């Protein structure tokens, strides 16, 4: 499954499909929020939020892949990811793109 932010894939001819989207929401907890609030005041990397953000983005792309595969697509073009927002108690990531199928499978994927 190919996931890309570009509108095209080189010279590979593709048939565009419909919109494919995914969202992932992760709950923060009060302990993490308190630690990160202190880090925000004194400065430094907010590593606990960075970790949960990375994991939530990964999960969002996994969901996007599953949905594209379920619709029979070879991949998703023109992916856009919402600006992830951490609010008190939660983090949300949304990704959208256009499903596609290769018209002629790439030579690398063709059986020999």
PDB file of N, CA and C in Angstrom:
ATOM      1  N   UNK A   1       0.866  -1.176   0.000  1.00  0.00           N
ATOM      2  CA  UNK A   1       0.000   0.000   0.000  1.00  0.00           C
ATOM      3  C   UNK A   1       0.903   1.226   0.000  1.00  0.00           C
ATOM      4  N   UNK A   2       0.718   2.084  -0.988  1.00  0.00           N
ATOM      5  CA  UNK A   2       1.513   3.290  -1.118  1.00  0.00           C
ATOM      6  C   UNK A   2       0.721   4.475  -0.572  1.00  0.00           C
ATOM      7  N   UNK A   3       1.309   5.197   0.367  1.00  0.00           N
ATOM      8  CA  UNK A   3       0.710   6.416   0.922  1.00  0.00           C
ATOM      9  C   UNK A   3       1.651   7.562   0.598  1.00  0.00           C
ATOM     10  N   UNK A   4       1.173   8.565  -0.152  1.00  0.00           N
ATOM     11  CA  UNK A   4       2.029   9.686  -0.535  1.00  0.00           C
ATOM     12  C   UNK A   4       1.286  11.008  -0.405  1.00  0.00           C
ATOM     13  N   UNK A   5       2.049  12.079  -0.261  1.00  0.00           N
ATOM     14  CA  UNK A   5       1.454  13.404  -0.181  1.00  0.00           C
ATOM     15  C   UNK A   5       1.394  14.078  -1.542  1.00  0.00           C
ATOM     16  N   UNK A   6       2.038  13.486  -2.548  1.00  0.00           N
ATOM     17  CA  UNK A   6       2.048  14.072  -3.882  1.00  0.00           C
ATOM     18  C   UNK A   6       0.755  13.758  -4.627  1.00  0.00           C
ATOM     19  N   UNK A   7       0.478  14.534  -5.670  1.00  0.00           N
ATOM     20  CA  UNK A   7      -0.720  14.351  -6.481  1.00  0.00           C
ATOM     21  C   UNK A   7      -0.549  13.234  -7.509  1.00  0.00           C
ATOM     22  N   UNK A   8       0.694  12.917  -7.850  1.00  0.00           N
ATOM     23  CA  UNK A   8       0.990  11.884  -8.851  1.00  0.00           C
ATOM     24  C   UNK A   8       2.107  10.994  -8.345  1.00  0.00           C
ATOM     25  N   UNK A   9       2.311   9.884  -9.059  1.00  0.00           N
ATOM     26  CA  UNK A   9       3.412   8.969  -8.730  1.00  0.00           C
ATOM     27  C   UNK A   9       4.296   8.872  -9.963  1.00  0.00           C
ATOM     28  N   UNK A  10       5.168   9.837 -10.145  1.00  0.00           N
ATOM     29  CA  UNK A  10       6.035   9.839 -11.310  1.00  0.00           C
ATOM     30  C   UNK A  10       5.211   9.737 -12.582  1.00  0.00           C
ATOM     31  N   UNK A  11       5.615   8.813 -13.459  1.00  0.00           N
ATOM     32  CA  UNK A  11       4.909   8.642 -14.732  1.00  0.00           C
ATOM     33  C   UNK A  11       3.900   7.502 -14.668  1.00  0.00           C
ATOM     34  N   UNK A  12       3.724   6.898 -13.502  1.00  0.00           N
ATOM     35  CA  UNK A  12       2.801   5.767 -13.373  1.00  0.00           C
ATOM     36  C   UNK A  12       1.362   6.224 -13.600  1.00  0.00           C
ATOM     37  N   UNK A  13       0.680   5.633 -14.583  1.00  0.00           N
ATOM     38  CA  UNK A  13      -0.721   6.006 -14.801  1.00  0.00           C
ATOM     39  C   UNK A  13      -1.618   5.388 -13.727  1.00  0.00           C
ATOM     40  N   UNK A  14      -2.476   6.222 -13.177  1.00  0.00           N
ATOM     41  CA  UNK A  14      -3.365   5.742 -12.116  1.00  0.00           C
ATOM     42  C   UNK A  14      -4.796   6.184 -12.392  1.00  0.00           C
ATOM     43  N   UNK A  15      -5.730   5.459 -11.812  1.00  0.00           N
ATOM     44  CA  UNK A  15      -7.148   5.823 -11.850  1.00  0.00           C
ATOM     45  C   UNK A  15      -7.501   6.336 -10.451  1.00  0.00           C
ATOM     46  N   UNK A  16      -7.959   7.557 -10.397  1.00  0.00           N
ATOM     47  CA  UNK A  16      -8.309   8.163  -9.107  1.00  0.00           C
ATOM     48  C   UNK A  16      -9.633   7.611  -8.598  1.00  0.00           C
ATOM     49  N   UNK A  17      -9.715   7.440  -7.325  1.00  0.00           N
ATOM     50  CA  UNK A  17     -10.926   6.952  -6.695  1.00  0.00           C
ATOM     51  C   UNK A  17     -11.541   8.025  -5.826  1.00  0.00           C
ATOM     52  N   UNK A  18     -12.124   7.582  -4.747  1.00  0.00           N
ATOM     53  CA  UNK A  18     -12.832   8.501  -3.862  1.00  0.00           C
ATOM     54  C   UNK A  18     -11.964   8.893  -2.666  1.00  0.00           C
ATOM     55  N   UNK A  19     -12.492   9.794  -1.890  1.00  0.00           N
ATOM     56  CA  UNK A  19     -11.843  10.273  -0.682  1.00  0.00           C
ATOM     57  C   UNK A  19     -11.710   9.132   0.322  1.00  0.00           C
ATOM     58  N   UNK A  20     -10.537   9.029   0.910  1.00  0.00           N
ATOM     59  CA  UNK A  20     -10.304   8.068   1.984  1.00  0.00           C
ATOM     60  C   UNK A  20      -9.841   8.898   3.182  1.00  0.00           C
ATOM     61  N   UNK A  21     -10.407   8.625   4.345  1.00  0.00           N
ATOM     62  CA  UNK A  21     -10.046   9.405   5.525  1.00  0.00           C
ATOM     63  C   UNK A  21      -9.876   8.495   6.729  1.00  0.00           C
ATOM     64  N   UNK A  22      -9.202   9.020   7.720  1.00  0.00           N
ATOM     65  CA  UNK A  22      -9.032   8.300   8.977  1.00  0.00           C
ATOM     66  C   UNK A  22      -8.837   9.316  10.088  1.00  0.00           C
ATOM     67  N   UNK A  23      -9.251   8.940  11.268  1.00  0.00           N
ATOM     68  CA  UNK A  23      -8.977   9.781  12.436  1.00  0.00           C
ATOM     69  C   UNK A  23      -8.547   8.879  13.579  1.00  0.00           C
ATOM     70  N   UNK A  24      -7.703   9.423  14.410  1.00  0.00           N
ATOM     71  CA  UNK A  24      -7.249   8.702  15.599  1.00  0.00           C
ATOM     72  C   UNK A  24      -7.246   9.689  16.753  1.00  0.00           C
ATOM     73  N   UNK A  25      -7.773   9.251  17.854  1.00  0.00           N
ATOM     74  CA  UNK A  25      -7.835  10.088  19.048  1.00  0.00           C
ATOM     75  C   UNK A  25      -7.176   9.334  20.190  1.00  0.00           C
ATOM     76  N   UNK A  26      -6.305  10.012  20.889  1.00  0.00           N
ATOM     77  CA  UNK A  26      -5.636   9.408  22.039  1.00  0.00           C
ATOM     78  C   UNK A  26      -5.957  10.232  23.278  1.00  0.00           C
ATOM     79  N   UNK A  27      -6.195   9.544  24.334  1.00  0.00           N
ATOM     80  CA  UNK A  27      -6.461  10.223  25.593  1.00  0.00           C
ATOM     81  C   UNK A  27      -5.161  10.495  26.331  1.00  0.00           C
ATOM     82  N   UNK A  28      -5.053  11.685  26.824  1.00  0.00           N
ATOM     83  CA  UNK A  28      -3.936  12.018  27.697  1.00  0.00           C
ATOM     84  C   UNK A  28      -4.416  11.748  29.117  1.00  0.00           C
ATOM     85  N   UNK A  29      -3.524  11.820  30.052  1.00  0.00           N
ATOM     86  CA  UNK A  29      -3.980  11.643  31.432  1.00  0.00           C
ATOM     87  C   UNK A  29      -3.527  12.824  32.270  1.00  0.00           C
ATOM     88  N   UNK A  30      -4.114  12.949  33.410  1.00  0.00           N
ATOM     89  CA  UNK A  30      -3.859  14.126  34.249  1.00  0.00           C
ATOM     90  C   UNK A  30      -2.395  14.224  34.687  1.00  0.00           C
ATOM     91  N   UNK A  31      -1.761  13.085  34.933  1.00  0.00           N
ATOM     92  CA  UNK A  31      -0.335  13.094  35.334  1.00  0.00           C
ATOM     93  C   UNK A  31       0.512  13.639  34.197  1.00  0.00           C
ATOM     94  N   UNK A  32       0.283  13.110  32.968  1.00  0.00           N
ATOM     95  CA  UNK A  32       1.051  13.570  31.805  1.00  0.00           C
ATOM     96  C   UNK A  32       0.804  15.055  31.576  1.00  0.00           C
ATOM     97  N   UNK A  33      -0.456  15.487  31.669  1.00  0.00           N
ATOM     98  CA  UNK A  33      -0.764  16.902  31.466  1.00  0.00           C
ATOM     99  C   UNK A  33      -0.038  17.786  32.477  1.00  0.00           C
ATOM    100  N   UNK A  34      -0.002  17.361  33.730  1.00  0.00           N
ATOM    101  CA  UNK A  34       0.675  18.161  34.764  1.00  0.00           C
ATOM    102  C   UNK A  34       2.173  18.234  34.489  1.00  0.00           C
ATOM    103  N   UNK A  35       2.790  17.097  34.125  1.00  0.00           N
ATOM    104  CA  UNK A  35       4.234  17.085  33.827  1.00  0.00           C
ATOM    105  C   UNK A  35       4.547  17.991  32.644  1.00  0.00           C
ATOM    106  N   UNK A  36       3.745  17.896  31.595  1.00  0.00           N
ATOM    107  CA  UNK A  36       4.006  18.685  30.399  1.00  0.00           C
ATOM    108  C   UNK A  36       3.722  20.169  30.634  1.00  0.00           C
ATOM    109  N   UNK A  37       2.771  20.486  31.491  1.00  0.00           N
ATOM    110  CA  UNK A  37       2.506  21.889  31.840  1.00  0.00           C
ATOM    111  C   UNK A  37       3.722  22.484  32.535  1.00  0.00           C
ATOM    112  N   UNK A  38       4.325  21.726  33.435  1.00  0.00           N
ATOM    113  CA  UNK A  38       5.537  22.201  34.119  1.00  0.00           C
ATOM    114  C   UNK A  38       6.662  22.389  33.115  1.00  0.00           C
ATOM    115  N   UNK A  39       6.834  21.417  32.213  1.00  0.00           N
ATOM    116  CA  UNK A  39       7.876  21.530  31.179  1.00  0.00           C
ATOM    117  C   UNK A  39       7.620  22.757  30.314  1.00  0.00           C
ATOM    118  N   UNK A  40       6.379  23.045  30.011  1.00  0.00           N
ATOM    119  CA  UNK A  40       6.034  24.204  29.208  1.00  0.00           C
ATOM    120  C   UNK A  40       6.441  25.499  29.910  1.00  0.00           C
ATOM    121  N   UNK A  41       6.284  25.557  31.213  1.00  0.00           N
ATOM    122  CA  UNK A  41       6.657  26.764  31.970  1.00  0.00           C
ATOM    123  C   UNK A  41       8.161  26.927  32.101  1.00  0.00           C
ATOM    124  N   UNK A  42       8.883  25.838  32.330  1.00  0.00           N
ATOM    125  CA  UNK A  42      10.329  25.951  32.567  1.00  0.00           C
ATOM    126  C   UNK A  42      11.150  25.757  31.296  1.00  0.00           C
ATOM    127  N   UNK A  43      10.517  25.274  30.237  1.00  0.00           N
ATOM    128  CA  UNK A  43      11.213  25.064  28.971  1.00  0.00           C
ATOM    129  C   UNK A  43      11.695  23.630  28.828  1.00  0.00           C
ATOM    130  N   UNK A  44      11.977  23.259  27.615  1.00  0.00           N
ATOM    131  CA  UNK A  44      12.468  21.916  27.342  1.00  0.00           C
ATOM    132  C   UNK A  44      11.544  21.173  26.402  1.00  0.00           C
ATOM    133  N   UNK A  45      11.983  19.985  26.021  1.00  0.00           N
ATOM    134  CA  UNK A  45      11.191  19.153  25.115  1.00  0.00           C
ATOM    135  C   UNK A  45      10.053  18.482  25.871  1.00  0.00           C
ATOM    136  N   UNK A  46       8.911  18.476  25.262  1.00  0.00           N
ATOM    137  CA  UNK A  46       7.738  17.835  25.857  1.00  0.00           C
ATOM    138  C   UNK A  46       7.680  16.400  25.327  1.00  0.00           C
ATOM    139  N   UNK A  47       8.614  15.585  25.775  1.00  0.00           N
ATOM    140  CA  UNK A  47       8.821  14.250  25.210  1.00  0.00           C
ATOM    141  C   UNK A  47       7.633  13.322  25.401  1.00  0.00           C
ATOM    142  N   UNK A  48       6.885  13.457  26.464  1.00  0.00           N
ATOM    143  CA  UNK A  48       5.729  12.580  26.671  1.00  0.00           C
ATOM    144  C   UNK A  48       4.651  12.866  25.638  1.00  0.00           C
ATOM    145  N   UNK A  49       4.431  14.145  25.331  1.00  0.00           N
ATOM    146  CA  UNK A  49       3.462  14.504  24.297  1.00  0.00           C
ATOM    147  C   UNK A  49       3.993  14.130  22.913  1.00  0.00           C
ATOM    148  N   UNK A  50       5.298  14.297  22.706  1.00  0.00           N
ATOM    149  CA  UNK A  50       5.875  13.909  21.415  1.00  0.00           C
ATOM    150  C   UNK A  50       5.655  12.421  21.165  1.00  0.00           C
ATOM    151  N   UNK A  51       5.844  11.610  22.177  1.00  0.00           N
ATOM    152  CA  UNK A  51       5.664  10.168  22.042  1.00  0.00           C
ATOM    153  C   UNK A  51       4.213   9.820  21.706  1.00  0.00           C
ATOM    154  N   UNK A  52       3.268  10.370  22.454  1.00  0.00           N
ATOM    155  CA  UNK A  52       1.860  10.054  22.206  1.00  0.00           C
ATOM    156  C   UNK A  52       1.418  10.601  20.848  1.00  0.00           C
ATOM    157  N   UNK A  53       1.964  11.742  20.429  1.00  0.00           N
ATOM    158  CA  UNK A  53       1.642  12.288  19.119  1.00  0.00           C
ATOM    159  C   UNK A  53       2.158  11.371  18.012  1.00  0.00           C
ATOM    160  N   UNK A  54       3.399  10.911  18.116  1.00  0.00           N
ATOM    161  CA  UNK A  54       3.955   9.985  17.125  1.00  0.00           C
ATOM    162  C   UNK A  54       3.117   8.714  17.015  1.00  0.00           C
ATOM    163  N   UNK A  55       2.747   8.146  18.140  1.00  0.00           N
ATOM    164  CA  UNK A  55       1.960   6.908  18.140  1.00  0.00           C
ATOM    165  C   UNK A  55       0.566   7.137  17.546  1.00  0.00           C
ATOM    166  N   UNK A  56      -0.023   8.286  17.809  1.00  0.00           N
ATOM    167  CA  UNK A  56      -1.356   8.575  17.281  1.00  0.00           C
ATOM    168  C   UNK A  56      -1.305   8.792  15.773  1.00  0.00           C
ATOM    169  N   UNK A  57      -0.278   9.458  15.271  1.00  0.00           N
ATOM    170  CA  UNK A  57      -0.114   9.638  13.828  1.00  0.00           C
ATOM    171  C   UNK A  57       0.091   8.280  13.157  1.00  0.00           C
ATOM    172  N   UNK A  58       0.926   7.425  13.736  1.00  0.00           N
ATOM    173  CA  UNK A  58       1.135   6.078  13.194  1.00  0.00           C
ATOM    174  C   UNK A  58      -0.190   5.318  13.118  1.00  0.00           C
ATOM    175  N   UNK A  59      -0.974   5.389  14.182  1.00  0.00           N
ATOM    176  CA  UNK A  59      -2.262   4.687  14.208  1.00  0.00           C
ATOM    177  C   UNK A  59      -3.214   5.253  13.153  1.00  0.00           C
ATOM    178  N   UNK A  60      -3.197   6.557  12.948  1.00  0.00           N
ATOM    179  CA  UNK A  60      -4.044   7.184  11.946  1.00  0.00           C
ATOM    180  C   UNK A  60      -3.684   6.657  10.551  1.00  0.00           C
ATOM    181  N   UNK A  61      -2.388   6.530  10.244  1.00  0.00           N
ATOM    182  CA  UNK A  61      -1.972   6.005   8.942  1.00  0.00           C
ATOM    183  C   UNK A  61      -2.301   4.521   8.799  1.00  0.00           C
ATOM    184  N   UNK A  62      -2.245   3.781   9.879  1.00  0.00           N
ATOM    185  CA  UNK A  62      -2.654   2.372   9.828  1.00  0.00           C
ATOM    186  C   UNK A  62      -4.143   2.261   9.486  1.00  0.00           C
ATOM    187  N   UNK A  63      -4.955   3.108  10.089  1.00  0.00           N
ATOM    188  CA  UNK A  63      -6.396   3.114   9.805  1.00  0.00           C
ATOM    189  C   UNK A  63      -6.637   3.526   8.358  1.00  0.00           C
ATOM    190  N   UNK A  64      -5.911   4.554   7.887  1.00  0.00           N
ATOM    191  CA  UNK A  64      -6.043   5.008   6.501  1.00  0.00           C
ATOM    192  C   UNK A  64      -5.696   3.872   5.537  1.00  0.00           C
ATOM    193  N   UNK A  65      -4.635   3.139   5.824  1.00  0.00           N
ATOM    194  CA  UNK A  65      -4.226   2.000   5.000  1.00  0.00           C
ATOM    195  C   UNK A  65      -5.308   0.927   4.981  1.00  0.00           C
ATOM    196  N   UNK A  66      -5.846   0.589   6.139  1.00  0.00           N
ATOM    197  CA  UNK A  66      -6.902  -0.433   6.225  1.00  0.00           C
ATOM    198  C   UNK A  66      -8.135  -0.018   5.424  1.00  0.00           C
ATOM    199  N   UNK A  67      -8.525   1.235   5.526  1.00  0.00           N
ATOM    200  CA  UNK A  67      -9.718   1.699   4.804  1.00  0.00           C
ATOM    201  C   UNK A  67      -9.485   1.704   3.297  1.00  0.00           C
ATOM    202  N   UNK A  68      -8.299   2.121   2.868  1.00  0.00           N
ATOM    203  CA  UNK A  68      -7.990   2.114   1.431  1.00  0.00           C
ATOM    204  C   UNK A  68      -7.961   0.685   0.903  1.00  0.00           C
ATOM    205  N   UNK A  69      -7.358  -0.215   1.649  1.00  0.00           N
ATOM    206  CA  UNK A  69      -7.294  -1.627   1.245  1.00  0.00           C
ATOM    207  C   UNK A  69      -8.707  -2.225   1.162  1.00  0.00           C
ATOM    208  N   UNK A  70      -9.559  -1.892   2.125  1.00  0.00           N
ATOM    209  CA  UNK A  70     -10.929  -2.411   2.138  1.00  0.00           C
ATOM    210  C   UNK A  70     -11.731  -1.924   0.926  1.00  0.00           C
ATOM    211  N   UNK A  71     -11.365  -0.758   0.385  1.00  0.00           N
ATOM    212  CA  UNK A  71     -12.053  -0.240  -0.796  1.00  0.00           C
ATOM    213  C   UNK A  71     -11.384  -0.721  -2.085  1.00  0.00           C
ATOM    214  N   UNK A  72     -10.334  -1.531  -1.961  1.00  0.00           N
ATOM    215  CA  UNK A  72      -9.679  -2.102  -3.129  1.00  0.00           C
ATOM    216  C   UNK A  72      -8.640  -1.211  -3.786  1.00  0.00           C
ATOM    217  N   UNK A  73      -8.168  -0.195  -3.101  1.00  0.00           N
ATOM    218  CA  UNK A  73      -7.175   0.713  -3.672  1.00  0.00           C
ATOM    219  C   UNK A  73      -5.760   0.171  -3.507  1.00  0.00           C
ATOM    220  N   UNK A  74      -4.878   0.614  -4.430  1.00  0.00           N
ATOM    221  CA  UNK A  74      -3.451   0.281  -4.346  1.00  0.00           C
ATOM    222  C   UNK A  74      -2.716   1.259  -3.436  1.00  0.00           C
ATOM    223  N   UNK A  75      -3.321   2.398  -3.175  1.00  0.00           N
ATOM    224  CA  UNK A  75      -2.694   3.397  -2.323  1.00  0.00           C
ATOM    225  C   UNK A  75      -3.556   4.628  -2.189  1.00  0.00           C
ATOM    226  N   UNK A  76      -2.965   5.653  -1.572  1.00  0.00           N
ATOM    227  CA  UNK A  76      -3.667   6.915  -1.350  1.00  0.00           C
ATOM    228  C   UNK A  76      -2.737   8.052  -1.748  1.00  0.00           C
ATOM    229  N   UNK A  77      -3.234   8.924  -2.614  1.00  0.00           N
ATOM    230  CA  UNK A  77      -2.500  10.101  -3.084  1.00  0.00           C
ATOM    231  C   UNK A  77      -2.941  11.351  -2.331  1.00  0.00           C
ATOM    232  N   UNK A  78      -2.112  12.377  -2.414  1.00  0.00           N
ATOM    233  CA  UNK A  78      -2.451  13.711  -1.925  1.00  0.00           C
ATOM    234  C   UNK A  78      -2.904  13.698  -0.468  1.00  0.00           C
ATOM    235  N   UNK A  79      -2.208  12.937   0.356  1.00  0.00           N
ATOM    236  CA  UNK A  79      -2.587  12.854   1.771  1.00  0.00           C
ATOM    237  C   UNK A  79      -2.301  14.177   2.466  1.00  0.00           C
ATOM    238  N   UNK A  80      -3.251  14.585   3.251  1.00  0.00           N
ATOM    239  CA  UNK A  80      -3.108  15.772   4.093  1.00  0.00           C
ATOM    240  C   UNK A  80      -3.412  15.356   5.522  1.00  0.00           C
ATOM    241  N   UNK A  81      -2.600  15.838   6.429  1.00  0.00           N
ATOM    242  CA  UNK A  81      -2.777  15.527   7.844  1.00  0.00           C
ATOM    243  C   UNK A  81      -3.162  16.813   8.550  1.00  0.00           C
ATOM    244  N   UNK A  82      -4.212  16.717   9.352  1.00  0.00           N
ATOM    245  CA  UNK A  82      -4.633  17.897  10.102  1.00  0.00           C
ATOM    246  C   UNK A  82      -3.520  18.298  11.061  1.00  0.00           C
ATOM    247  N   UNK A  83      -3.549  19.523  11.438  1.00  0.00           N
ATOM    248  CA  UNK A  83      -2.587  19.984  12.442  1.00  0.00           C
ATOM    249  C   UNK A  83      -2.982  19.334  13.758  1.00  0.00           C
ATOM    250  N   UNK A  84      -2.188  18.362  14.219  1.00  0.00           N
ATOM    251  CA  UNK A  84      -2.566  17.680  15.468  1.00  0.00           C
ATOM    252  C   UNK A  84      -2.674  18.674  16.613  1.00  0.00           C
ATOM    253  N   UNK A  85      -3.677  18.485  17.413  1.00  0.00           N
ATOM    254  CA  UNK A  85      -3.949  19.407  18.506  1.00  0.00           C
ATOM    255  C   UNK A  85      -4.008  18.649  19.817  1.00  0.00           C
ATOM    256  N   UNK A  86      -3.239  19.089  20.758  1.00  0.00           N
ATOM    257  CA  UNK A  86      -3.295  18.501  22.092  1.00  0.00           C
ATOM    258  C   UNK A  86      -4.087  19.466  22.957  1.00  0.00           C
ATOM    259  N   UNK A  87      -5.179  18.967  23.489  1.00  0.00           N
ATOM    260  CA  UNK A  87      -5.976  19.763  24.404  1.00  0.00           C
ATOM    261  C   UNK A  87      -5.999  19.023  25.734  1.00  0.00           C
ATOM    262  N   UNK A  88      -6.527  19.621  26.725  1.00  0.00           N
ATOM    263  CA  UNK A  88      -6.602  18.953  28.008  1.00  0.00           C
ATOM    264  C   UNK A  88      -7.378  17.655  27.857  1.00  0.00           C
ATOM    265  N   UNK A  89      -6.685  16.570  28.044  1.00  0.00           N
ATOM    266  CA  UNK A  89      -7.334  15.274  28.035  1.00  0.00           C
ATOM    267  C   UNK A  89      -7.343  14.519  26.725  1.00  0.00           C
ATOM    268  N   UNK A  90      -6.967  15.129  25.588  1.00  0.00           N
ATOM    269  CA  UNK A  90      -7.058  14.383  24.339  1.00  0.00           C
ATOM    270  C   UNK A  90      -6.155  14.963  23.247  1.00  0.00           C
ATOM    271  N   UNK A  91      -5.917  14.100  22.266  1.00  0.00           N
ATOM    272  CA  UNK A  91      -5.129  14.457  21.095  1.00  0.00           C
ATOM    273  C   UNK A  91      -5.824  13.846  19.890  1.00  0.00           C
ATOM    274  N   UNK A  92      -6.037  14.624  18.827  1.00  0.00           N
ATOM    275  CA  UNK A  92      -6.714  14.102  17.644  1.00  0.00           C
ATOM    276  C   UNK A  92      -5.861  14.359  16.411  1.00  0.00           C
ATOM    277  N   UNK A  93      -5.804  13.348  15.526  1.00  0.00           N
ATOM    278  CA  UNK A  93      -5.120  13.460  14.247  1.00  0.00           C
ATOM    279  C   UNK A  93      -6.096  12.982  13.174  1.00  0.00           C
ATOM    280  N   UNK A  94      -6.228  13.750  12.084  1.00  0.00           N
ATOM    281  CA  UNK A  94      -7.091  13.372  10.967  1.00  0.00           C
ATOM    282  C   UNK A  94      -6.246  13.399   9.700  1.00  0.00           C
ATOM    283  N   UNK A  95      -6.371  12.345   8.869  1.00  0.00           N
ATOM    284  CA  UNK A  95      -5.673  12.281   7.584  1.00  0.00           C
ATOM    285  C   UNK A  95      -6.689  12.002   6.492  1.00  0.00           C
ATOM    286  N   UNK A  96      -6.571  12.709   5.355  1.00  0.00           N
ATOM    287  CA  UNK A  96      -7.449  12.491   4.209  1.00  0.00           C
ATOM    288  C   UNK A  96      -6.612  12.423   2.944  1.00  0.00           C
ATOM    289  N   UNK A  97      -7.105  11.700   1.956  1.00  0.00           N
ATOM    290  CA  UNK A  97      -6.419  11.603   0.674  1.00  0.00           C
ATOM    291  C   UNK A  97      -7.344  10.998  -0.358  1.00  0.00           C
ATOM    292  N   UNK A  98      -6.826  10.793  -1.560  1.00  0.00           N
ATOM    293  CA  UNK A  98      -7.589  10.225  -2.663  1.00  0.00           C
ATOM    294  C   UNK A  98      -7.084   8.819  -2.944  1.00  0.00           C
ATOM    295  N   UNK A  99      -7.981   7.849  -2.871  1.00  0.00           N
ATOM    296  CA  UNK A  99      -7.611   6.478  -3.190  1.00  0.00           C
ATOM    297  C   UNK A  99      -7.278   6.359  -4.668  1.00  0.00           C
ATOM    298  N   UNK A 100      -6.381   5.425  -5.019  1.00  0.00           N
ATOM    299  CA  UNK A 100      -6.047   5.225  -6.427  1.00  0.00           C
ATOM    300  C   UNK A 100      -5.748   3.762  -6.706  1.00  0.00           C
ATOM    301  N   UNK A 101      -5.857   3.424  -7.982  1.00  0.00           N
ATOM    302  CA  UNK A 101      -5.433   2.121  -8.484  1.00  0.00           C
ATOM    303  C   UNK A 101      -4.506   2.353  -9.662  1.00  0.00           C
ATOM    304  N   UNK A 102      -3.463   1.527  -9.771  1.00  0.00           N
ATOM    305  CA  UNK A 102      -2.594   1.585 -10.938  1.00  0.00           C
ATOM    306  C   UNK A 102      -3.381   1.108 -12.152  1.00  0.00           C
ATOM    307  N   UNK A 103      -3.209   1.782 -13.279  1.00  0.00           N
ATOM    308  CA  UNK A 103      -3.833   1.332 -14.515  1.00  0.00           C
ATOM    309  C   UNK A 103      -3.028   0.156 -15.059  1.00  0.00           C
ATOM    310  N   UNK A 104      -1.726   0.303 -15.107  1.00  0.00           N
ATOM    311  CA  UNK A 104      -0.802  -0.783 -15.430  1.00  0.00           C
ATOM    312  C   UNK A 104       0.116  -0.909 -14.234  1.00  0.00           C
ATOM    313  N   UNK A 105       0.125  -2.064 -13.552  1.00  0.00           N
ATOM    314  CA  UNK A 105       0.984  -2.194 -12.370  1.00  0.00           C
ATOM    315  C   UNK A 105       2.430  -1.844 -12.697  1.00  0.00           C
ATOM    316  N   UNK A 106       3.136  -1.221 -11.758  1.00  0.00           N
ATOM    317  CA  UNK A 106       4.543  -0.858 -11.997  1.00  0.00           C
ATOM    318  C   UNK A 106       5.353  -2.116 -12.316  1.00  0.00           C
ATOM    319  N   UNK A 107       6.388  -1.938 -13.143  1.00  0.00           N
ATOM    320  CA  UNK A 107       7.223  -3.061 -13.570  1.00  0.00           C
ATOM    321  C   UNK A 107       7.827  -3.802 -12.390  1.00  0.00           C
ATOM    322  N   UNK A 108       8.180  -3.089 -11.325  1.00  0.00           N
ATOM    323  CA  UNK A 108       8.779  -3.715 -10.152  1.00  0.00           C
ATOM    324  C   UNK A 108       7.817  -4.662  -9.467  1.00  0.00           C
ATOM    325  N   UNK A 109       6.523  -4.396  -9.601  1.00  0.00           N
ATOM    326  CA  UNK A 109       5.524  -5.226  -8.941  1.00  0.00           C
ATOM    327  C   UNK A 109       5.013  -6.361  -9.837  1.00  0.00           C
ATOM    328  N   UNK A 110       5.361  -6.309 -11.134  1.00  0.00           N
ATOM    329  CA  UNK A 110       4.879  -7.329 -12.061  1.00  0.00           C
ATOM    330  C   UNK A 110       5.606  -8.653 -11.825  1.00  0.00           C
ATOM    331  N   UNK A 111       4.881  -9.777 -11.904  1.00  0.00           N
ATOM    332  CA  UNK A 111       5.534 -11.068 -11.716  1.00  0.00           C
ATOM    333  C   UNK A 111       6.502 -11.374 -12.839  1.00  0.00           C
ATOM    334  N   UNK A 112       7.558 -12.092 -12.516  1.00  0.00           N
ATOM    335  CA  UNK A 112       8.579 -12.415 -13.521  1.00  0.00           C
ATOM    336  C   UNK A 112       8.442 -13.825 -13.971  1.00  0.00           C
TER     337      UNK A 112
END
